[in-house]
């Protein structure tokens, strides 16, 4: 209950510090469990077009590279975010994709092939904190909120799935009017149906 009265920036700072303190061994082990749980989701198995971020190792984000590769090898159309001048665009992920790594930004695919595809059925979302009703603390840039708002404006409503370690859960995330709630959160321990918890 210690997080209940903290603001989003305070929660973000505290949870990021805890995540970055994870040992390499625990990060890899728990990430493997998260990816296995995610791969088992019926919504993902049924999806033809999937959007998934590439995890930033220096931030100890729940690792996604093996999941991206698995989806691509299964023949799904796989896409990943690309940030340009503060706007989140979509690029194509290919099997055995190469990346340019930055210590302060998400990995950039090389070669970069932008896509106008928006008919995603599943979008995996990075986060620094979450609650069981689908509240999400991101990095404070609003990239995904604007991204989902744009998709919604085109009548596209993908299943939004957060990937996180269990210690990133907080009792309640302070919500702003523009926040886009998650449908599910996958941790190393469980799959949380946020839509059920929000009722």
N, C-alpha and C. Protein backbone atom coordinates (compact mmCIF):
# COMPACT_ATOMS: atom_id res chain seq x y z
N UNK A 1 0.81 -1.20 0.00
CA UNK A 1 0.00 0.00 0.00
C UNK A 1 0.85 1.27 0.00
N UNK A 2 2.18 1.11 0.02
CA UNK A 2 3.06 2.26 0.14
C UNK A 2 2.99 3.18 -1.07
N UNK A 3 2.55 2.66 -2.24
CA UNK A 3 2.53 3.46 -3.45
C UNK A 3 1.23 4.26 -3.61
N UNK A 4 0.22 4.00 -2.77
CA UNK A 4 -1.12 4.48 -3.03
C UNK A 4 -1.22 6.01 -3.16
N UNK A 5 -0.40 6.74 -2.40
CA UNK A 5 -0.54 8.19 -2.42
C UNK A 5 0.50 8.87 -3.32
N UNK A 6 1.30 8.09 -4.02
CA UNK A 6 2.33 8.68 -4.85
C UNK A 6 1.78 9.11 -6.21
N UNK A 7 2.38 10.13 -6.78
CA UNK A 7 2.00 10.59 -8.11
C UNK A 7 2.62 9.69 -9.17
N UNK A 8 2.18 9.86 -10.41
CA UNK A 8 2.75 9.06 -11.50
C UNK A 8 4.27 9.24 -11.61
N UNK A 9 4.78 10.48 -11.61
CA UNK A 9 6.24 10.63 -11.70
C UNK A 9 6.98 9.96 -10.55
N UNK A 10 6.41 10.02 -9.35
CA UNK A 10 7.06 9.37 -8.20
C UNK A 10 7.03 7.86 -8.35
N UNK A 11 5.88 7.33 -8.76
CA UNK A 11 5.77 5.89 -8.99
C UNK A 11 6.74 5.44 -10.07
N UNK A 12 6.78 6.20 -11.16
CA UNK A 12 7.66 5.86 -12.28
C UNK A 12 9.12 5.78 -11.82
N UNK A 13 9.54 6.78 -11.08
CA UNK A 13 10.93 6.83 -10.62
C UNK A 13 11.25 5.64 -9.72
N UNK A 14 10.35 5.36 -8.79
CA UNK A 14 10.58 4.26 -7.84
C UNK A 14 10.61 2.90 -8.54
N UNK A 15 9.63 2.68 -9.43
CA UNK A 15 9.52 1.38 -10.08
C UNK A 15 10.63 1.16 -11.11
N UNK A 16 11.02 2.22 -11.81
CA UNK A 16 12.15 2.09 -12.74
C UNK A 16 13.43 1.75 -12.00
N UNK A 17 13.64 2.38 -10.86
CA UNK A 17 14.85 2.09 -10.08
C UNK A 17 14.87 0.63 -9.64
N UNK A 18 13.72 0.13 -9.24
CA UNK A 18 13.65 -1.27 -8.81
C UNK A 18 13.88 -2.21 -9.99
N UNK A 19 13.31 -1.87 -11.14
CA UNK A 19 13.50 -2.73 -12.30
C UNK A 19 14.95 -2.73 -12.77
N UNK A 20 15.55 -1.56 -12.80
CA UNK A 20 16.94 -1.46 -13.25
C UNK A 20 17.91 -2.16 -12.31
N UNK A 21 17.46 -2.43 -11.08
CA UNK A 21 18.31 -3.12 -10.11
C UNK A 21 18.24 -4.63 -10.24
N UNK A 22 17.39 -5.13 -11.12
CA UNK A 22 17.28 -6.58 -11.32
C UNK A 22 18.62 -7.15 -11.80
N UNK A 23 18.95 -8.33 -11.31
CA UNK A 23 20.14 -9.00 -11.83
C UNK A 23 19.86 -9.49 -13.24
N UNK A 24 20.89 -9.67 -14.02
CA UNK A 24 20.74 -10.18 -15.38
C UNK A 24 20.04 -11.53 -15.37
N UNK A 25 20.41 -12.37 -14.42
CA UNK A 25 19.85 -13.73 -14.35
C UNK A 25 18.34 -13.68 -14.09
N UNK A 26 17.92 -12.85 -13.14
CA UNK A 26 16.49 -12.78 -12.84
C UNK A 26 15.73 -12.14 -14.01
N UNK A 27 16.31 -11.10 -14.59
CA UNK A 27 15.66 -10.45 -15.73
C UNK A 27 15.41 -11.45 -16.86
N UNK A 28 16.43 -12.23 -17.20
CA UNK A 28 16.28 -13.20 -18.29
C UNK A 28 15.29 -14.31 -17.92
N UNK A 29 15.38 -14.81 -16.69
CA UNK A 29 14.51 -15.90 -16.27
C UNK A 29 13.05 -15.47 -16.22
N UNK A 30 12.77 -14.33 -15.60
CA UNK A 30 11.38 -13.86 -15.50
C UNK A 30 10.85 -13.42 -16.86
N UNK A 31 11.72 -12.84 -17.70
CA UNK A 31 11.29 -12.46 -19.04
C UNK A 31 10.90 -13.68 -19.86
N UNK A 32 11.63 -14.76 -19.69
CA UNK A 32 11.30 -15.99 -20.41
C UNK A 32 9.91 -16.50 -20.02
N UNK A 33 9.59 -16.40 -18.73
CA UNK A 33 8.26 -16.82 -18.26
C UNK A 33 7.17 -15.91 -18.82
N UNK A 34 7.44 -14.60 -18.83
CA UNK A 34 6.47 -13.65 -19.36
C UNK A 34 6.20 -13.93 -20.83
N UNK A 35 7.25 -14.15 -21.60
CA UNK A 35 7.07 -14.42 -23.03
C UNK A 35 6.31 -15.72 -23.26
N UNK A 36 6.56 -16.72 -22.43
CA UNK A 36 5.85 -18.01 -22.57
C UNK A 36 4.36 -17.82 -22.27
N UNK A 37 4.04 -17.07 -21.22
CA UNK A 37 2.63 -16.80 -20.91
C UNK A 37 1.97 -16.03 -22.05
N UNK A 38 2.68 -15.03 -22.58
CA UNK A 38 2.13 -14.22 -23.67
C UNK A 38 1.87 -15.08 -24.90
N UNK A 39 2.82 -15.95 -25.22
CA UNK A 39 2.68 -16.80 -26.42
C UNK A 39 1.50 -17.76 -26.31
N UNK A 40 1.05 -18.04 -25.09
CA UNK A 40 -0.05 -18.98 -24.89
C UNK A 40 -1.43 -18.33 -25.04
N UNK A 41 -1.47 -17.01 -25.16
CA UNK A 41 -2.75 -16.30 -25.20
C UNK A 41 -3.54 -16.64 -26.47
N UNK A 42 -4.80 -17.07 -26.34
CA UNK A 42 -5.62 -17.36 -27.53
C UNK A 42 -5.73 -16.15 -28.46
N UNK A 43 -5.86 -14.95 -27.89
CA UNK A 43 -5.97 -13.74 -28.72
C UNK A 43 -4.75 -13.56 -29.60
N UNK A 44 -3.58 -13.91 -29.09
CA UNK A 44 -2.35 -13.79 -29.87
C UNK A 44 -2.27 -14.89 -30.92
N UNK A 45 -2.65 -16.10 -30.56
CA UNK A 45 -2.60 -17.20 -31.53
C UNK A 45 -3.54 -16.94 -32.70
N UNK A 46 -4.66 -16.27 -32.44
CA UNK A 46 -5.64 -15.98 -33.50
C UNK A 46 -5.26 -14.78 -34.35
N UNK A 47 -4.39 -13.92 -33.84
CA UNK A 47 -4.07 -12.66 -34.52
C UNK A 47 -3.17 -12.88 -35.74
N UNK A 48 -3.43 -12.09 -36.78
CA UNK A 48 -2.58 -12.13 -37.98
C UNK A 48 -1.59 -10.98 -37.99
N UNK A 49 -1.95 -9.86 -37.36
CA UNK A 49 -1.10 -8.67 -37.36
C UNK A 49 -0.86 -8.23 -35.92
N UNK A 50 0.41 -8.24 -35.53
CA UNK A 50 0.80 -7.96 -34.14
C UNK A 50 1.81 -6.83 -34.09
N UNK A 51 1.59 -5.92 -33.15
CA UNK A 51 2.52 -4.80 -32.93
C UNK A 51 3.18 -5.02 -31.57
N UNK A 52 4.52 -5.01 -31.54
CA UNK A 52 5.22 -5.31 -30.30
C UNK A 52 6.49 -4.47 -30.20
N UNK A 53 6.71 -3.87 -29.04
CA UNK A 53 7.92 -3.09 -28.83
C UNK A 53 9.14 -3.99 -28.70
N UNK A 54 10.31 -3.42 -28.92
CA UNK A 54 11.57 -4.12 -28.70
C UNK A 54 12.12 -3.66 -27.36
N UNK A 55 12.33 -4.59 -26.46
CA UNK A 55 12.72 -4.26 -25.09
C UNK A 55 14.09 -3.57 -25.03
N UNK A 56 14.19 -2.65 -24.07
CA UNK A 56 15.45 -1.95 -23.83
C UNK A 56 16.16 -2.62 -22.65
N UNK A 57 17.26 -3.29 -22.95
CA UNK A 57 17.96 -4.07 -21.92
C UNK A 57 18.47 -3.19 -20.78
N UNK A 58 18.96 -1.99 -21.10
CA UNK A 58 19.52 -1.13 -20.05
C UNK A 58 18.46 -0.70 -19.05
N UNK A 59 17.17 -0.72 -19.48
CA UNK A 59 16.07 -0.37 -18.59
C UNK A 59 15.43 -1.60 -17.96
N UNK A 60 15.91 -2.79 -18.34
CA UNK A 60 15.36 -4.05 -17.84
C UNK A 60 13.86 -4.17 -18.14
N UNK A 61 13.45 -3.68 -19.32
CA UNK A 61 12.07 -3.94 -19.74
C UNK A 61 11.89 -5.44 -19.93
N UNK A 62 10.70 -5.93 -19.68
CA UNK A 62 10.42 -7.34 -19.94
C UNK A 62 10.85 -7.66 -21.37
N UNK A 63 11.73 -8.62 -21.51
CA UNK A 63 12.35 -8.91 -22.79
C UNK A 63 11.32 -9.41 -23.80
N UNK A 64 11.46 -8.97 -25.06
CA UNK A 64 10.48 -9.34 -26.09
C UNK A 64 11.10 -9.97 -27.33
N UNK A 65 12.41 -9.98 -27.45
CA UNK A 65 13.03 -10.39 -28.72
C UNK A 65 12.65 -11.81 -29.13
N UNK A 66 12.63 -12.73 -28.17
CA UNK A 66 12.27 -14.11 -28.52
C UNK A 66 10.81 -14.21 -28.96
N UNK A 67 9.95 -13.41 -28.33
CA UNK A 67 8.54 -13.40 -28.71
C UNK A 67 8.36 -12.84 -30.12
N UNK A 68 9.04 -11.74 -30.42
CA UNK A 68 8.98 -11.16 -31.77
C UNK A 68 9.41 -12.18 -32.81
N UNK A 69 10.51 -12.86 -32.53
CA UNK A 69 11.04 -13.83 -33.48
C UNK A 69 10.09 -15.01 -33.66
N UNK A 70 9.50 -15.48 -32.58
CA UNK A 70 8.55 -16.58 -32.65
C UNK A 70 7.35 -16.21 -33.52
N UNK A 71 6.83 -15.02 -33.31
CA UNK A 71 5.67 -14.57 -34.08
C UNK A 71 6.00 -14.45 -35.56
N UNK A 72 7.18 -13.91 -35.87
CA UNK A 72 7.59 -13.76 -37.26
C UNK A 72 7.76 -15.13 -37.92
N UNK A 73 8.36 -16.07 -37.21
CA UNK A 73 8.57 -17.41 -37.77
C UNK A 73 7.26 -18.17 -37.95
N UNK A 74 6.25 -17.79 -37.20
CA UNK A 74 4.93 -18.41 -37.36
C UNK A 74 4.18 -17.84 -38.56
N UNK A 75 4.76 -16.85 -39.20
CA UNK A 75 4.15 -16.28 -40.39
C UNK A 75 3.21 -15.11 -40.13
N UNK A 76 3.20 -14.62 -38.90
CA UNK A 76 2.37 -13.45 -38.62
C UNK A 76 3.05 -12.19 -39.16
N UNK A 77 2.25 -11.19 -39.48
CA UNK A 77 2.79 -9.88 -39.85
C UNK A 77 3.12 -9.16 -38.55
N UNK A 78 4.40 -8.86 -38.34
CA UNK A 78 4.86 -8.31 -37.07
C UNK A 78 5.40 -6.90 -37.30
N UNK A 79 4.99 -6.00 -36.43
CA UNK A 79 5.38 -4.59 -36.54
C UNK A 79 5.93 -4.12 -35.20
N UNK A 80 6.71 -3.06 -35.26
CA UNK A 80 7.29 -2.50 -34.05
C UNK A 80 7.25 -0.98 -34.11
N UNK A 81 7.32 -0.32 -32.96
CA UNK A 81 7.25 1.14 -32.96
C UNK A 81 8.57 1.78 -33.39
N UNK A 82 8.44 2.94 -34.00
CA UNK A 82 9.59 3.77 -34.35
C UNK A 82 9.22 5.21 -34.00
N UNK A 83 10.03 5.85 -33.16
CA UNK A 83 9.73 7.21 -32.71
C UNK A 83 10.49 8.21 -33.57
N UNK A 84 9.73 9.14 -34.16
CA UNK A 84 10.34 10.18 -34.99
C UNK A 84 9.73 11.52 -34.62
N UNK A 85 10.56 12.41 -34.10
CA UNK A 85 10.13 13.75 -33.69
C UNK A 85 8.92 13.70 -32.75
N UNK A 86 8.99 12.78 -31.80
CA UNK A 86 7.96 12.67 -30.79
C UNK A 86 6.70 11.95 -31.21
N UNK A 87 6.68 11.42 -32.42
CA UNK A 87 5.50 10.71 -32.94
C UNK A 87 5.85 9.23 -33.11
N UNK A 88 4.97 8.36 -32.64
CA UNK A 88 5.20 6.93 -32.78
C UNK A 88 4.66 6.43 -34.12
N UNK A 89 5.57 5.98 -34.96
CA UNK A 89 5.20 5.41 -36.24
C UNK A 89 5.38 3.90 -36.18
N UNK A 90 5.07 3.24 -37.28
CA UNK A 90 5.14 1.78 -37.32
C UNK A 90 6.17 1.33 -38.34
N UNK A 91 7.03 0.41 -37.93
CA UNK A 91 7.98 -0.18 -38.86
C UNK A 91 7.77 -1.69 -38.89
N UNK A 92 8.28 -2.30 -39.92
CA UNK A 92 8.10 -3.75 -40.12
C UNK A 92 9.22 -4.50 -39.43
N UNK A 93 8.85 -5.55 -38.70
CA UNK A 93 9.84 -6.43 -38.09
C UNK A 93 10.00 -7.67 -38.96
N UNK A 94 11.24 -8.00 -39.30
CA UNK A 94 11.54 -9.21 -40.07
C UNK A 94 12.28 -10.20 -39.18
N UNK A 95 12.16 -11.47 -39.47
CA UNK A 95 12.90 -12.49 -38.72
C UNK A 95 14.39 -12.17 -38.77
N UNK A 96 15.06 -12.35 -37.65
CA UNK A 96 16.49 -12.06 -37.51
C UNK A 96 16.80 -10.57 -37.74
N UNK A 97 15.85 -9.74 -37.35
CA UNK A 97 15.99 -8.29 -37.51
C UNK A 97 17.23 -7.77 -36.78
N UNK A 98 17.95 -6.85 -37.43
CA UNK A 98 19.07 -6.17 -36.80
C UNK A 98 18.60 -4.83 -36.25
N UNK A 99 19.32 -4.32 -35.23
CA UNK A 99 18.92 -3.07 -34.59
C UNK A 99 20.10 -2.16 -34.34
N UNK A 100 19.81 -0.87 -34.31
CA UNK A 100 20.77 0.11 -33.81
C UNK A 100 20.36 0.41 -32.38
N UNK A 101 21.28 0.19 -31.46
CA UNK A 101 20.97 0.30 -30.04
C UNK A 101 21.40 1.67 -29.51
N UNK A 102 20.52 2.26 -28.70
CA UNK A 102 20.80 3.53 -28.05
C UNK A 102 20.61 3.35 -26.55
N UNK A 103 21.37 4.12 -25.76
CA UNK A 103 21.23 4.02 -24.31
C UNK A 103 20.08 4.87 -23.79
N UNK A 104 19.47 5.66 -24.66
CA UNK A 104 18.42 6.56 -24.19
C UNK A 104 17.13 6.46 -24.99
N UNK A 105 17.06 5.55 -25.95
CA UNK A 105 15.87 5.44 -26.79
C UNK A 105 15.65 3.98 -27.19
N UNK A 106 14.42 3.65 -27.63
CA UNK A 106 14.16 2.27 -28.07
C UNK A 106 15.05 1.90 -29.24
N UNK A 107 15.37 0.61 -29.40
CA UNK A 107 16.17 0.15 -30.54
C UNK A 107 15.50 0.51 -31.87
N UNK A 108 16.32 0.87 -32.85
CA UNK A 108 15.83 1.23 -34.18
C UNK A 108 16.17 0.11 -35.15
N UNK A 109 15.20 -0.41 -35.90
CA UNK A 109 15.49 -1.50 -36.84
C UNK A 109 16.39 -1.03 -37.98
N UNK A 110 17.27 -1.90 -38.41
CA UNK A 110 18.12 -1.63 -39.57
C UNK A 110 18.05 -2.83 -40.51
N UNK A 111 17.62 -2.62 -41.75
CA UNK A 111 17.18 -1.33 -42.29
C UNK A 111 15.79 -0.95 -41.74
N UNK A 112 15.52 0.35 -41.71
CA UNK A 112 14.22 0.85 -41.24
C UNK A 112 13.24 0.84 -42.40
N UNK A 113 12.16 0.07 -42.26
CA UNK A 113 11.12 0.00 -43.28
C UNK A 113 9.80 0.40 -42.63
N UNK A 114 9.36 1.63 -42.89
CA UNK A 114 8.13 2.11 -42.29
C UNK A 114 6.92 1.47 -42.96
N UNK A 115 5.84 1.36 -42.20
CA UNK A 115 4.61 0.75 -42.71
C UNK A 115 3.42 1.62 -42.37
N UNK A 116 2.46 1.66 -43.27
CA UNK A 116 1.23 2.39 -43.01
C UNK A 116 0.15 1.51 -42.40
N UNK A 117 0.49 0.23 -42.15
CA UNK A 117 -0.47 -0.71 -41.60
C UNK A 117 -0.93 -0.26 -40.20
N UNK A 118 -2.23 -0.32 -39.99
CA UNK A 118 -2.77 0.05 -38.68
C UNK A 118 -3.79 -0.96 -38.16
N UNK A 119 -4.07 -1.99 -38.95
CA UNK A 119 -5.14 -2.93 -38.57
C UNK A 119 -4.60 -4.00 -37.61
N UNK A 120 -3.95 -3.55 -36.55
CA UNK A 120 -3.38 -4.49 -35.59
C UNK A 120 -4.49 -5.13 -34.77
N UNK A 121 -4.33 -6.41 -34.52
CA UNK A 121 -5.28 -7.12 -33.67
C UNK A 121 -4.79 -7.21 -32.23
N UNK A 122 -3.47 -7.21 -32.07
CA UNK A 122 -2.85 -7.24 -30.74
C UNK A 122 -1.71 -6.24 -30.72
N UNK A 123 -1.65 -5.46 -29.64
CA UNK A 123 -0.52 -4.54 -29.43
C UNK A 123 0.05 -4.81 -28.05
N UNK A 124 1.33 -5.16 -28.00
CA UNK A 124 2.03 -5.31 -26.73
C UNK A 124 2.58 -3.95 -26.31
N UNK A 125 2.39 -3.62 -25.05
CA UNK A 125 2.67 -2.27 -24.57
C UNK A 125 3.70 -2.30 -23.44
N UNK A 126 4.76 -1.51 -23.55
CA UNK A 126 5.72 -1.42 -22.45
C UNK A 126 5.14 -0.58 -21.31
N UNK A 127 5.63 -0.77 -20.12
CA UNK A 127 5.12 0.01 -18.99
C UNK A 127 6.14 0.02 -17.85
N UNK A 128 5.97 0.98 -16.96
CA UNK A 128 6.79 1.00 -15.74
C UNK A 128 5.98 0.58 -14.53
N UNK A 129 4.65 0.68 -14.62
CA UNK A 129 3.79 0.25 -13.54
C UNK A 129 2.38 0.00 -14.04
N UNK A 130 1.60 -0.77 -13.29
CA UNK A 130 0.23 -1.09 -13.71
C UNK A 130 -0.61 -1.43 -12.50
N UNK A 131 -1.95 -1.37 -12.68
CA UNK A 131 -2.86 -1.92 -11.68
C UNK A 131 -3.79 -2.91 -12.37
N UNK A 132 -4.58 -3.61 -11.59
CA UNK A 132 -5.37 -4.71 -12.13
C UNK A 132 -6.58 -4.25 -12.92
N UNK A 133 -6.88 -2.98 -12.92
CA UNK A 133 -7.99 -2.46 -13.72
C UNK A 133 -7.50 -1.97 -15.08
N UNK A 134 -6.23 -2.15 -15.37
CA UNK A 134 -5.70 -1.75 -16.67
C UNK A 134 -5.01 -0.40 -16.65
N UNK A 135 -4.92 0.23 -15.49
CA UNK A 135 -4.17 1.47 -15.39
C UNK A 135 -2.70 1.22 -15.70
N UNK A 136 -2.10 2.13 -16.43
CA UNK A 136 -0.72 1.94 -16.87
C UNK A 136 0.10 3.20 -16.64
N UNK A 137 1.32 3.00 -16.14
CA UNK A 137 2.29 4.09 -16.06
C UNK A 137 3.33 3.81 -17.14
N UNK A 138 3.43 4.71 -18.11
CA UNK A 138 4.42 4.56 -19.16
C UNK A 138 5.66 5.36 -18.81
N UNK A 139 6.27 5.95 -19.83
CA UNK A 139 7.46 6.75 -19.62
C UNK A 139 7.17 8.24 -19.61
N UNK A 140 5.87 8.59 -19.63
CA UNK A 140 5.49 9.99 -19.52
C UNK A 140 5.54 10.76 -20.83
N UNK A 141 5.75 10.06 -21.94
CA UNK A 141 5.82 10.73 -23.24
C UNK A 141 4.48 10.75 -23.97
N UNK A 142 3.56 9.86 -23.59
CA UNK A 142 2.24 9.82 -24.22
C UNK A 142 2.21 9.17 -25.59
N UNK A 143 3.28 8.51 -25.98
CA UNK A 143 3.34 7.91 -27.32
C UNK A 143 2.22 6.91 -27.56
N UNK A 144 2.03 5.99 -26.62
CA UNK A 144 1.04 4.94 -26.82
C UNK A 144 -0.39 5.47 -26.68
N UNK A 145 -0.60 6.41 -25.79
CA UNK A 145 -1.95 6.99 -25.66
C UNK A 145 -2.38 7.65 -26.96
N UNK A 146 -1.47 8.42 -27.57
CA UNK A 146 -1.79 9.06 -28.85
C UNK A 146 -1.93 8.04 -29.97
N UNK A 147 -1.12 7.01 -29.92
CA UNK A 147 -1.16 5.93 -30.91
C UNK A 147 -2.53 5.23 -30.87
N UNK A 148 -2.98 4.87 -29.68
CA UNK A 148 -4.26 4.18 -29.56
C UNK A 148 -5.43 5.10 -29.89
N UNK A 149 -5.30 6.37 -29.55
CA UNK A 149 -6.34 7.33 -29.90
C UNK A 149 -6.47 7.45 -31.41
N UNK A 150 -5.35 7.44 -32.11
CA UNK A 150 -5.37 7.51 -33.58
C UNK A 150 -6.02 6.26 -34.17
N UNK A 151 -5.65 5.09 -33.65
CA UNK A 151 -6.25 3.85 -34.15
C UNK A 151 -7.75 3.85 -33.91
N UNK A 152 -8.15 4.28 -32.72
CA UNK A 152 -9.58 4.32 -32.39
C UNK A 152 -10.34 5.23 -33.34
N UNK A 153 -9.70 6.33 -33.73
CA UNK A 153 -10.32 7.25 -34.67
C UNK A 153 -10.57 6.63 -36.02
N UNK A 154 -9.81 5.57 -36.34
CA UNK A 154 -9.99 4.84 -37.60
C UNK A 154 -10.84 3.58 -37.40
N UNK A 155 -11.43 3.45 -36.21
CA UNK A 155 -12.27 2.28 -35.95
C UNK A 155 -11.50 1.01 -35.65
N UNK A 156 -10.24 1.16 -35.25
CA UNK A 156 -9.38 0.00 -34.97
C UNK A 156 -9.18 -0.10 -33.46
N UNK A 157 -9.53 -1.25 -32.89
CA UNK A 157 -9.47 -1.42 -31.44
C UNK A 157 -8.73 -2.72 -31.10
N UNK A 158 -7.40 -2.71 -31.16
CA UNK A 158 -6.64 -3.93 -30.86
C UNK A 158 -6.71 -4.30 -29.38
N UNK A 159 -6.40 -5.54 -29.09
CA UNK A 159 -6.25 -5.96 -27.70
C UNK A 159 -4.92 -5.40 -27.20
N UNK A 160 -4.99 -4.64 -26.11
CA UNK A 160 -3.80 -3.97 -25.56
C UNK A 160 -3.27 -4.79 -24.39
N UNK A 161 -2.06 -5.31 -24.55
CA UNK A 161 -1.48 -6.22 -23.56
C UNK A 161 -0.19 -5.65 -23.01
N UNK A 162 -0.16 -5.44 -21.69
CA UNK A 162 1.06 -4.98 -21.04
C UNK A 162 1.92 -6.16 -20.63
N UNK A 163 3.23 -5.99 -20.73
CA UNK A 163 4.18 -7.00 -20.28
C UNK A 163 4.96 -6.40 -19.12
N UNK A 164 4.98 -7.09 -17.99
CA UNK A 164 5.58 -6.50 -16.80
C UNK A 164 6.02 -7.58 -15.82
N UNK A 165 6.90 -7.20 -14.92
CA UNK A 165 7.26 -8.06 -13.80
C UNK A 165 6.26 -7.82 -12.67
N UNK A 166 6.02 -8.82 -11.88
CA UNK A 166 4.96 -8.73 -10.87
C UNK A 166 5.19 -7.58 -9.89
N UNK A 167 6.45 -7.22 -9.61
CA UNK A 167 6.70 -6.15 -8.65
C UNK A 167 6.33 -4.77 -9.20
N UNK A 168 5.98 -4.70 -10.48
CA UNK A 168 5.56 -3.42 -11.07
C UNK A 168 4.08 -3.12 -10.81
N UNK A 169 3.38 -4.05 -10.17
CA UNK A 169 1.97 -3.81 -9.85
C UNK A 169 1.84 -2.85 -8.68
N UNK A 170 0.90 -1.92 -8.79
CA UNK A 170 0.58 -0.99 -7.71
C UNK A 170 -0.92 -1.08 -7.43
N UNK A 171 -1.36 -0.67 -6.25
CA UNK A 171 -2.80 -0.79 -5.94
C UNK A 171 -3.69 -0.01 -6.90
N UNK A 172 -3.26 1.20 -7.27
CA UNK A 172 -4.08 2.02 -8.16
C UNK A 172 -3.20 3.03 -8.89
N UNK A 173 -3.33 3.08 -10.21
CA UNK A 173 -2.60 4.05 -11.01
C UNK A 173 -3.42 5.33 -11.14
N UNK A 174 -2.84 6.48 -10.80
CA UNK A 174 -3.56 7.74 -11.03
C UNK A 174 -3.85 7.90 -12.53
N UNK A 175 -5.11 8.15 -12.88
CA UNK A 175 -5.50 8.18 -14.29
C UNK A 175 -5.79 9.60 -14.77
N UNK A 176 -5.34 9.89 -15.98
CA UNK A 176 -5.67 11.13 -16.66
C UNK A 176 -6.73 10.84 -17.73
N UNK A 177 -7.49 11.84 -18.17
CA UNK A 177 -8.57 11.62 -19.14
C UNK A 177 -8.10 10.97 -20.44
N UNK A 178 -6.85 11.21 -20.83
CA UNK A 178 -6.35 10.70 -22.11
C UNK A 178 -5.72 9.30 -22.00
N UNK A 179 -5.64 8.76 -20.80
CA UNK A 179 -5.01 7.46 -20.61
C UNK A 179 -5.81 6.35 -21.28
N UNK A 180 -5.12 5.47 -21.96
CA UNK A 180 -5.74 4.32 -22.62
C UNK A 180 -5.51 3.08 -21.74
N UNK A 181 -6.56 2.50 -21.16
CA UNK A 181 -6.36 1.35 -20.27
C UNK A 181 -5.96 0.09 -21.04
N UNK A 182 -5.23 -0.77 -20.34
CA UNK A 182 -4.84 -2.06 -20.91
C UNK A 182 -5.99 -3.05 -20.78
N UNK A 183 -6.02 -4.01 -21.70
CA UNK A 183 -7.00 -5.09 -21.62
C UNK A 183 -6.48 -6.24 -20.77
N UNK A 184 -5.16 -6.47 -20.85
CA UNK A 184 -4.53 -7.57 -20.12
C UNK A 184 -3.13 -7.15 -19.70
N UNK A 185 -2.64 -7.78 -18.65
CA UNK A 185 -1.24 -7.65 -18.25
C UNK A 185 -0.68 -9.05 -18.03
N UNK A 186 0.48 -9.30 -18.60
CA UNK A 186 1.14 -10.59 -18.45
C UNK A 186 2.39 -10.40 -17.60
N UNK A 187 2.47 -11.15 -16.50
CA UNK A 187 3.67 -11.12 -15.66
C UNK A 187 4.29 -12.52 -15.66
N UNK A 188 5.39 -12.67 -14.93
CA UNK A 188 6.02 -13.98 -14.84
C UNK A 188 5.16 -14.97 -14.07
N UNK A 189 4.19 -14.45 -13.30
CA UNK A 189 3.37 -15.31 -12.45
C UNK A 189 1.97 -15.58 -12.96
N UNK A 190 1.43 -14.67 -13.77
CA UNK A 190 0.01 -14.80 -14.13
C UNK A 190 -0.35 -13.95 -15.35
N UNK A 191 -1.56 -14.21 -15.84
CA UNK A 191 -2.18 -13.40 -16.88
C UNK A 191 -3.38 -12.71 -16.25
N UNK A 192 -3.37 -11.38 -16.25
CA UNK A 192 -4.41 -10.60 -15.58
C UNK A 192 -5.38 -10.05 -16.61
N UNK A 193 -6.65 -10.38 -16.48
CA UNK A 193 -7.69 -9.85 -17.35
C UNK A 193 -8.20 -8.54 -16.74
N UNK A 194 -7.73 -7.44 -17.24
CA UNK A 194 -8.06 -6.14 -16.66
C UNK A 194 -9.52 -5.77 -16.90
N UNK A 195 -10.09 -6.21 -18.01
CA UNK A 195 -11.48 -5.91 -18.30
C UNK A 195 -12.40 -6.53 -17.23
N UNK A 196 -12.03 -7.71 -16.78
CA UNK A 196 -12.81 -8.38 -15.73
C UNK A 196 -12.68 -7.60 -14.43
N UNK A 197 -11.46 -7.14 -14.12
CA UNK A 197 -11.21 -6.43 -12.86
C UNK A 197 -11.81 -5.03 -12.85
N UNK A 198 -12.07 -4.47 -14.03
CA UNK A 198 -12.61 -3.11 -14.10
C UNK A 198 -14.11 -3.08 -13.89
N UNK A 199 -14.75 -4.23 -13.89
CA UNK A 199 -16.21 -4.27 -13.75
C UNK A 199 -16.62 -4.06 -12.29
